Amino acid sequence: MKRLNLDNSIKLFEESERYIPNGIIGIKHPSHYPYQEYPIYLKSGKGVRVIDVDGNEYIDFLCSFGPTILG
């Protein structure tokens, strides 16, 4: 299986580690996933499709779970 290009997401995660303990807020830490496959940083979205900072396109099966929590 071909791996996604996540170079920009990895750089952003490394930067976030300078400001946030463990680099992420929440229970899903990158160490729980295969190396360099999480977290991803989203750039845009429309409807159920979202695009990350590396240009990968995803379908949002969680139906905007994050924005729902934020109100």
PDB file of N, CA and C in Angstrom:
ATOM      1  N   MET A   1       0.843  -1.165   0.000  1.00  0.00           N
ATOM      2  CA  MET A   1       0.000   0.000   0.000  1.00  0.00           C
ATOM      3  C   MET A   1       0.899   1.242   0.000  1.00  0.00           C
ATOM      4  N   LYS A   2       0.557   2.192  -0.811  1.00  0.00           N
ATOM      5  CA  LYS A   2       1.308   3.440  -0.896  1.00  0.00           C
ATOM      6  C   LYS A   2       1.001   4.312   0.327  1.00  0.00           C
ATOM      7  N   ARG A   3       2.051   4.862   0.913  1.00  0.00           N
ATOM      8  CA  ARG A   3       1.883   5.742   2.068  1.00  0.00           C
ATOM      9  C   ARG A   3       1.585   7.159   1.604  1.00  0.00           C
ATOM     10  N   LEU A   4       0.847   7.879   2.430  1.00  0.00           N
ATOM     11  CA  LEU A   4       0.536   9.277   2.138  1.00  0.00           C
ATOM     12  C   LEU A   4       1.773  10.141   2.355  1.00  0.00           C
ATOM     13  N   ASN A   5       1.876  11.189   1.587  1.00  0.00           N
ATOM     14  CA  ASN A   5       2.905  12.193   1.828  1.00  0.00           C
ATOM     15  C   ASN A   5       2.390  13.099   2.946  1.00  0.00           C
ATOM     16  N   LEU A   6       3.065  13.091   4.068  1.00  0.00           N
ATOM     17  CA  LEU A   6       2.674  13.917   5.208  1.00  0.00           C
ATOM     18  C   LEU A   6       3.808  14.812   5.675  1.00  0.00           C
ATOM     19  N   ASP A   7       4.704  15.173   4.781  1.00  0.00           N
ATOM     20  CA  ASP A   7       5.879  15.969   5.147  1.00  0.00           C
ATOM     21  C   ASP A   7       5.517  17.263   5.861  1.00  0.00           C
ATOM     22  N   ASN A   8       4.558  18.007   5.319  1.00  0.00           N
ATOM     23  CA  ASN A   8       4.176  19.290   5.943  1.00  0.00           C
ATOM     24  C   ASN A   8       3.493  19.078   7.291  1.00  0.00           C
ATOM     25  N   SER A   9       2.647  18.043   7.388  1.00  0.00           N
ATOM     26  CA  SER A   9       1.988  17.743   8.661  1.00  0.00           C
ATOM     27  C   SER A   9       3.013  17.376   9.716  1.00  0.00           C
ATOM     28  N   ILE A  10       4.028  16.615   9.344  1.00  0.00           N
ATOM     29  CA  ILE A  10       5.064  16.215  10.296  1.00  0.00           C
ATOM     30  C   ILE A  10       5.835  17.442  10.776  1.00  0.00           C
ATOM     31  N   LYS A  11       6.139  18.354   9.873  1.00  0.00           N
ATOM     32  CA  LYS A  11       6.835  19.588  10.267  1.00  0.00           C
ATOM     33  C   LYS A  11       5.977  20.409  11.232  1.00  0.00           C
ATOM     34  N   LEU A  12       4.680  20.503  10.956  1.00  0.00           N
ATOM     35  CA  LEU A  12       3.792  21.259  11.846  1.00  0.00           C
ATOM     36  C   LEU A  12       3.681  20.590  13.207  1.00  0.00           C
ATOM     37  N   PHE A  13       3.657  19.258  13.230  1.00  0.00           N
ATOM     38  CA  PHE A  13       3.609  18.561  14.509  1.00  0.00           C
ATOM     39  C   PHE A  13       4.879  18.820  15.308  1.00  0.00           C
ATOM     40  N   GLU A  14       6.024  18.750  14.652  1.00  0.00           N
ATOM     41  CA  GLU A  14       7.289  19.016  15.343  1.00  0.00           C
ATOM     42  C   GLU A  14       7.315  20.433  15.909  1.00  0.00           C
ATOM     43  N   GLU A  15       6.759  21.388  15.171  1.00  0.00           N
ATOM     44  CA  GLU A  15       6.680  22.770  15.675  1.00  0.00           C
ATOM     45  C   GLU A  15       5.732  22.852  16.873  1.00  0.00           C
ATOM     46  N   SER A  16       4.610  22.127  16.802  1.00  0.00           N
ATOM     47  CA  SER A  16       3.640  22.187  17.902  1.00  0.00           C
ATOM     48  C   SER A  16       4.219  21.637  19.201  1.00  0.00           C
ATOM     49  N   GLU A  17       5.186  20.709  19.105  1.00  0.00           N
ATOM     50  CA  GLU A  17       5.808  20.157  20.307  1.00  0.00           C
ATOM     51  C   GLU A  17       6.570  21.216  21.098  1.00  0.00           C
ATOM     52  N   ARG A  18       6.942  22.300  20.448  1.00  0.00           N
ATOM     53  CA  ARG A  18       7.638  23.390  21.145  1.00  0.00           C
ATOM     54  C   ARG A  18       6.690  24.198  22.022  1.00  0.00           C
ATOM     55  N   TYR A  19       5.381  24.164  21.715  1.00  0.00           N
ATOM     56  CA  TYR A  19       4.411  25.009  22.408  1.00  0.00           C
ATOM     57  C   TYR A  19       3.415  24.233  23.264  1.00  0.00           C
ATOM     58  N   ILE A  20       3.146  22.984  22.894  1.00  0.00           N
ATOM     59  CA  ILE A  20       2.134  22.176  23.576  1.00  0.00           C
ATOM     60  C   ILE A  20       2.810  20.905  24.106  1.00  0.00           C
ATOM     61  N   PRO A  21       2.636  20.559  25.375  1.00  0.00           N
ATOM     62  CA  PRO A  21       3.217  19.312  25.870  1.00  0.00           C
ATOM     63  C   PRO A  21       2.793  18.120  25.008  1.00  0.00           C
ATOM     64  N   ASN A  22       3.735  17.319  24.581  1.00  0.00           N
ATOM     65  CA  ASN A  22       3.522  16.172  23.686  1.00  0.00           C
ATOM     66  C   ASN A  22       3.064  16.570  22.289  1.00  0.00           C
ATOM     67  N   GLY A  23       2.937  17.857  22.004  1.00  0.00           N
ATOM     68  CA  GLY A  23       2.625  18.320  20.667  1.00  0.00           C
ATOM     69  C   GLY A  23       1.174  18.238  20.253  1.00  0.00           C
ATOM     70  N   ILE A  24       0.309  17.720  21.121  1.00  0.00           N
ATOM     71  CA  ILE A  24      -1.087  17.543  20.741  1.00  0.00           C
ATOM     72  C   ILE A  24      -1.972  17.625  21.981  1.00  0.00           C
ATOM     73  N   ILE A  25      -3.182  18.124  21.797  1.00  0.00           N
ATOM     74  CA  ILE A  25      -4.144  18.175  22.887  1.00  0.00           C
ATOM     75  C   ILE A  25      -5.166  17.076  22.629  1.00  0.00           C
ATOM     76  N   GLY A  26      -5.311  16.157  23.538  1.00  0.00           N
ATOM     77  CA  GLY A  26      -6.260  15.065  23.371  1.00  0.00           C
ATOM     78  C   GLY A  26      -5.625  13.729  23.714  1.00  0.00           C
ATOM     79  N   ILE A  27      -6.421  12.673  23.575  1.00  0.00           N
ATOM     80  CA  ILE A  27      -5.959  11.343  23.971  1.00  0.00           C
ATOM     81  C   ILE A  27      -5.304  10.566  22.845  1.00  0.00           C
ATOM     82  N   LYS A  28      -5.453  10.998  21.613  1.00  0.00           N
ATOM     83  CA  LYS A  28      -4.891  10.266  20.476  1.00  0.00           C
ATOM     84  C   LYS A  28      -3.495  10.777  20.159  1.00  0.00           C
ATOM     85  N   HIS A  29      -2.516  10.273  20.866  1.00  0.00           N
ATOM     86  CA  HIS A  29      -1.143  10.705  20.654  1.00  0.00           C
ATOM     87  C   HIS A  29      -0.544   9.971  19.460  1.00  0.00           C
ATOM     88  N   PRO A  30       0.322  10.628  18.690  1.00  0.00           N
ATOM     89  CA  PRO A  30       0.939   9.998  17.522  1.00  0.00           C
ATOM     90  C   PRO A  30       1.642   8.674  17.809  1.00  0.00           C
ATOM     91  N   SER A  31       2.089   8.466  19.046  1.00  0.00           N
ATOM     92  CA  SER A  31       2.754   7.202  19.371  1.00  0.00           C
ATOM     93  C   SER A  31       1.794   6.019  19.344  1.00  0.00           C
ATOM     94  N   HIS A  32       0.478   6.264  19.306  1.00  0.00           N
ATOM     95  CA  HIS A  32      -0.521   5.190  19.224  1.00  0.00           C
ATOM     96  C   HIS A  32      -0.752   4.717  17.791  1.00  0.00           C
ATOM     97  N   TYR A  33      -0.117   5.349  16.833  1.00  0.00           N
ATOM     98  CA  TYR A  33      -0.341   5.074  15.408  1.00  0.00           C
ATOM     99  C   TYR A  33       0.972   4.720  14.732  1.00  0.00           C
ATOM    100  N   PRO A  34       0.910   4.138  13.540  1.00  0.00           N
ATOM    101  CA  PRO A  34       2.157   3.869  12.795  1.00  0.00           C
ATOM    102  C   PRO A  34       2.952   5.166  12.606  1.00  0.00           C
ATOM    103  N   TYR A  35       4.268   5.045  12.631  1.00  0.00           N
ATOM    104  CA  TYR A  35       5.163   6.195  12.550  1.00  0.00           C
ATOM    105  C   TYR A  35       4.843   7.086  11.355  1.00  0.00           C
ATOM    106  N   GLN A  36       4.709   8.376  11.606  1.00  0.00           N
ATOM    107  CA  GLN A  36       4.467   9.431  10.621  1.00  0.00           C
ATOM    108  C   GLN A  36       3.167   9.265   9.835  1.00  0.00           C
ATOM    109  N   GLU A  37       2.120   8.778  10.495  1.00  0.00           N
ATOM    110  CA  GLU A  37       0.804   8.709   9.860  1.00  0.00           C
ATOM    111  C   GLU A  37      -0.247   9.541  10.590  1.00  0.00           C
ATOM    112  N   TYR A  38       0.142  10.154  11.695  1.00  0.00           N
ATOM    113  CA  TYR A  38      -0.784  10.944  12.496  1.00  0.00           C
ATOM    114  C   TYR A  38       0.050  11.878  13.349  1.00  0.00           C
ATOM    115  N   PRO A  39      -0.300  13.078  13.626  1.00  0.00           N
ATOM    116  CA  PRO A  39      -1.536  13.748  13.224  1.00  0.00           C
ATOM    117  C   PRO A  39      -1.412  14.376  11.839  1.00  0.00           C
ATOM    118  N   ILE A  40      -2.556  14.673  11.261  1.00  0.00           N
ATOM    119  CA  ILE A  40      -2.590  15.422  10.004  1.00  0.00           C
ATOM    120  C   ILE A  40      -3.156  16.801  10.321  1.00  0.00           C
ATOM    121  N   TYR A  41      -2.779  17.760   9.534  1.00  0.00           N
ATOM    122  CA  TYR A  41      -3.265  19.135   9.709  1.00  0.00           C
ATOM    123  C   TYR A  41      -4.086  19.505   8.489  1.00  0.00           C
ATOM    124  N   LEU A  42      -5.329  19.855   8.719  1.00  0.00           N
ATOM    125  CA  LEU A  42      -6.248  20.154   7.618  1.00  0.00           C
ATOM    126  C   LEU A  42      -6.109  21.598   7.164  1.00  0.00           C
ATOM    127  N   LYS A  43      -6.198  21.777   5.843  1.00  0.00           N
ATOM    128  CA  LYS A  43      -6.088  23.101   5.242  1.00  0.00           C
ATOM    129  C   LYS A  43      -7.446  23.635   4.843  1.00  0.00           C
ATOM    130  N   SER A  44      -8.304  22.773   4.296  1.00  0.00           N
ATOM    131  CA  SER A  44      -9.603  23.234   3.826  1.00  0.00           C
ATOM    132  C   SER A  44     -10.593  22.074   3.806  1.00  0.00           C
ATOM    133  N   GLY A  45     -11.839  22.434   3.618  1.00  0.00           N
ATOM    134  CA  GLY A  45     -12.876  21.420   3.526  1.00  0.00           C
ATOM    135  C   GLY A  45     -14.134  21.990   2.911  1.00  0.00           C
ATOM    136  N   LYS A  46     -14.882  21.108   2.284  1.00  0.00           N
ATOM    137  CA  LYS A  46     -16.172  21.499   1.720  1.00  0.00           C
ATOM    138  C   LYS A  46     -17.048  20.264   1.735  1.00  0.00           C
ATOM    139  N   GLY A  47     -18.191  20.395   2.394  1.00  0.00           N
ATOM    140  CA  GLY A  47     -19.056  19.227   2.526  1.00  0.00           C
ATOM    141  C   GLY A  47     -18.352  18.173   3.371  1.00  0.00           C
ATOM    142  N   VAL A  48     -18.313  16.948   2.881  1.00  0.00           N
ATOM    143  CA  VAL A  48     -17.669  15.866   3.634  1.00  0.00           C
ATOM    144  C   VAL A  48     -16.205  15.695   3.265  1.00  0.00           C
ATOM    145  N   ARG A  49     -15.698  16.442   2.300  1.00  0.00           N
ATOM    146  CA  ARG A  49     -14.312  16.289   1.856  1.00  0.00           C
ATOM    147  C   ARG A  49     -13.421  17.335   2.517  1.00  0.00           C
ATOM    148  N   VAL A  50     -12.287  16.864   3.041  1.00  0.00           N
ATOM    149  CA  VAL A  50     -11.304  17.755   3.644  1.00  0.00           C
ATOM    150  C   VAL A  50      -9.944  17.497   3.000  1.00  0.00           C
ATOM    151  N   ILE A  51      -9.119  18.534   2.945  1.00  0.00           N
ATOM    152  CA  ILE A  51      -7.795  18.442   2.336  1.00  0.00           C
ATOM    153  C   ILE A  51      -6.772  18.882   3.373  1.00  0.00           C
ATOM    154  N   ASP A  52      -5.706  18.090   3.516  1.00  0.00           N
ATOM    155  CA  ASP A  52      -4.681  18.439   4.490  1.00  0.00           C
ATOM    156  C   ASP A  52      -3.625  19.347   3.868  1.00  0.00           C
ATOM    157  N   VAL A  53      -2.670  19.789   4.688  1.00  0.00           N
ATOM    158  CA  VAL A  53      -1.637  20.720   4.229  1.00  0.00           C
ATOM    159  C   VAL A  53      -0.689  20.096   3.213  1.00  0.00           C
ATOM    160  N   ASP A  54      -0.764  18.789   3.029  1.00  0.00           N
ATOM    161  CA  ASP A  54       0.067  18.098   2.044  1.00  0.00           C
ATOM    162  C   ASP A  54      -0.685  17.805   0.744  1.00  0.00           C
ATOM    163  N   GLY A  55      -1.960  18.211   0.662  1.00  0.00           N
ATOM    164  CA  GLY A  55      -2.739  18.010  -0.548  1.00  0.00           C
ATOM    165  C   GLY A  55      -3.495  16.697  -0.602  1.00  0.00           C
ATOM    166  N   ASN A  56      -3.461  15.893   0.471  1.00  0.00           N
ATOM    167  CA  ASN A  56      -4.224  14.637   0.515  1.00  0.00           C
ATOM    168  C   ASN A  56      -5.687  14.945   0.797  1.00  0.00           C
ATOM    169  N   GLU A  57      -6.581  14.241   0.126  1.00  0.00           N
ATOM    170  CA  GLU A  57      -8.013  14.460   0.310  1.00  0.00           C
ATOM    171  C   GLU A  57      -8.615  13.303   1.099  1.00  0.00           C
ATOM    172  N   TYR A  58      -9.491  13.635   2.042  1.00  0.00           N
ATOM    173  CA  TYR A  58     -10.142  12.652   2.902  1.00  0.00           C
ATOM    174  C   TYR A  58     -11.643  12.877   2.882  1.00  0.00           C
ATOM    175  N   ILE A  59     -12.390  11.856   3.281  1.00  0.00           N
ATOM    176  CA  ILE A  59     -13.830  11.982   3.511  1.00  0.00           C
ATOM    177  C   ILE A  59     -14.027  12.009   5.018  1.00  0.00           C
ATOM    178  N   ASP A  60     -14.757  12.999   5.509  1.00  0.00           N
ATOM    179  CA  ASP A  60     -14.987  13.175   6.940  1.00  0.00           C
ATOM    180  C   ASP A  60     -16.130  12.268   7.387  1.00  0.00           C
ATOM    181  N   PHE A  61     -15.782  11.044   7.820  1.00  0.00           N
ATOM    182  CA  PHE A  61     -16.795  10.103   8.294  1.00  0.00           C
ATOM    183  C   PHE A  61     -17.271  10.446   9.700  1.00  0.00           C
ATOM    184  N   LEU A  62     -16.532  11.305  10.423  1.00  0.00           N
ATOM    185  CA  LEU A  62     -16.951  11.704  11.763  1.00  0.00           C
ATOM    186  C   LEU A  62     -17.920  12.881  11.734  1.00  0.00           C
ATOM    187  N   CYS A  63     -18.193  13.392  10.579  1.00  0.00           N
ATOM    188  CA  CYS A  63     -19.174  14.478  10.414  1.00  0.00           C
ATOM    189  C   CYS A  63     -18.834  15.686  11.273  1.00  0.00           C
ATOM    190  N   SER A  64     -17.640  16.200  11.114  1.00  0.00           N
ATOM    191  CA  SER A  64     -17.159  17.395  11.801  1.00  0.00           C
ATOM    192  C   SER A  64     -17.217  17.272  13.321  1.00  0.00           C
ATOM    193  N   PHE A  65     -16.768  16.162  13.835  1.00  0.00           N
ATOM    194  CA  PHE A  65     -16.758  15.898  15.271  1.00  0.00           C
ATOM    195  C   PHE A  65     -16.082  17.025  16.047  1.00  0.00           C
ATOM    196  N   GLY A  66     -14.948  17.521  15.559  1.00  0.00           N
ATOM    197  CA  GLY A  66     -14.240  18.605  16.238  1.00  0.00           C
ATOM    198  C   GLY A  66     -15.066  19.872  16.351  1.00  0.00           C
ATOM    199  N   PRO A  67     -15.576  20.418  15.230  1.00  0.00           N
ATOM    200  CA  PRO A  67     -16.374  21.634  15.320  1.00  0.00           C
ATOM    201  C   PRO A  67     -17.642  21.464  16.152  1.00  0.00           C
ATOM    202  N   THR A  68     -18.207  20.265  16.189  1.00  0.00           N
ATOM    203  CA  THR A  68     -19.392  20.029  16.996  1.00  0.00           C
ATOM    204  C   THR A  68     -19.069  20.193  18.485  1.00  0.00           C
ATOM    205  N   ILE A  69     -17.907  19.691  18.882  1.00  0.00           N
ATOM    206  CA  ILE A  69     -17.490  19.818  20.281  1.00  0.00           C
ATOM    207  C   ILE A  69     -17.273  21.289  20.633  1.00  0.00           C
ATOM    208  N   LEU A  70     -16.725  22.056  19.689  1.00  0.00           N
ATOM    209  CA  LEU A  70     -16.406  23.450  19.963  1.00  0.00           C
ATOM    210  C   LEU A  70     -17.628  24.358  19.967  1.00  0.00           C
ATOM    211  N   GLY A  71     -18.765  23.825  19.569  1.00  0.00           N
ATOM    212  CA  GLY A  71     -19.972  24.613  19.635  1.00  0.00           C
ATOM    213  C   GLY A  71     -20.393  25.084  18.310  1.00  0.00           C
TER     214      GLY A  71
END
